[in-house]
Amino acid sequence: MHQTIQTATLAKATDRKPASIRTAVWRNGHFCGIKPIKLPNGRLLWPADAVERLTAGEVA
């Protein structure tokens, strides 16, 4: 399985609140072009490589 990070970690990396990220996924199905992996318990996991590209200023 690919490396993934949790929503809280993504929030810190992008200087956003976790609730804002979850709202973006609820409204648009993605956050800044990154689609999360949805777990059966409702949590979201994010592909680490896509998050690294986003925080480096590249387009996801």
Protein backbone atom coordinates (compact mmCIF):
# COMPACT_ATOMS: atom_id res chain seq x y z
CA MET A 1 0.00 0.00 0.00
CA HIS A 2 1.17 3.53 -0.72
CA GLN A 3 2.20 5.87 2.07
CA THR A 4 -0.73 7.86 3.43
CA ILE A 5 -1.23 10.63 5.98
CA GLN A 6 -4.17 11.57 8.16
CA THR A 7 -6.35 14.65 7.73
CA ALA A 8 -4.83 16.36 10.79
CA THR A 9 -1.34 16.04 9.29
CA LEU A 10 -2.55 17.43 5.96
CA ALA A 11 -4.17 20.33 7.82
CA LYS A 12 -0.89 21.24 9.53
CA ALA A 13 1.04 20.97 6.25
CA THR A 14 -1.38 23.27 4.41
CA ASP A 15 -2.17 25.62 7.33
CA ARG A 16 -5.86 24.75 7.26
CA LYS A 17 -8.28 23.35 9.82
CA PRO A 18 -9.18 19.66 9.50
CA ALA A 19 -12.87 20.58 9.32
CA SER A 20 -12.19 22.83 6.31
CA ILE A 21 -10.52 19.94 4.50
CA ARG A 22 -13.39 17.57 5.29
CA THR A 23 -15.88 20.21 4.10
CA ALA A 24 -14.01 20.58 0.80
CA VAL A 25 -14.17 16.82 0.28
CA TRP A 26 -17.87 16.77 1.14
CA ARG A 27 -18.62 19.60 -1.32
CA ASN A 28 -16.22 18.80 -4.15
CA GLY A 29 -15.01 15.24 -3.65
CA HIS A 30 -11.41 16.43 -3.30
CA PHE A 31 -9.14 18.92 -1.52
CA CYS A 32 -6.94 20.96 -3.87
CA GLY A 33 -7.25 18.23 -6.47
CA ILE A 34 -6.27 15.41 -4.10
CA LYS A 35 -8.86 12.67 -3.61
CA PRO A 36 -8.74 10.94 -0.23
CA ILE A 37 -9.02 7.25 0.53
CA LYS A 38 -12.19 6.77 2.56
CA LEU A 39 -12.00 4.13 5.28
CA PRO A 40 -15.06 2.14 6.43
CA ASN A 41 -15.06 4.05 9.73
CA GLY A 42 -15.39 7.38 7.87
CA ARG A 43 -11.81 8.58 8.30
CA LEU A 44 -9.90 9.96 5.35
CA LEU A 45 -6.35 9.06 4.37
CA TRP A 46 -4.36 11.13 1.90
CA PRO A 47 -1.67 9.96 -0.53
CA ALA A 48 1.61 11.28 0.89
CA ASP A 49 3.23 11.83 -2.51
CA ALA A 50 0.36 14.07 -3.69
CA VAL A 51 0.48 16.06 -0.46
CA GLU A 52 4.25 16.53 -0.86
CA ARG A 53 3.71 17.89 -4.37
CA LEU A 54 0.99 20.25 -3.10
CA THR A 55 3.13 21.63 -0.29
CA ALA A 56 6.07 22.04 -2.69
CA GLY A 57 3.89 24.34 -4.82
CA GLU A 58 3.18 21.91 -7.65
CA VAL A 59 -0.28 21.21 -9.00
CA ALA A 60 -1.79 18.03 -7.56
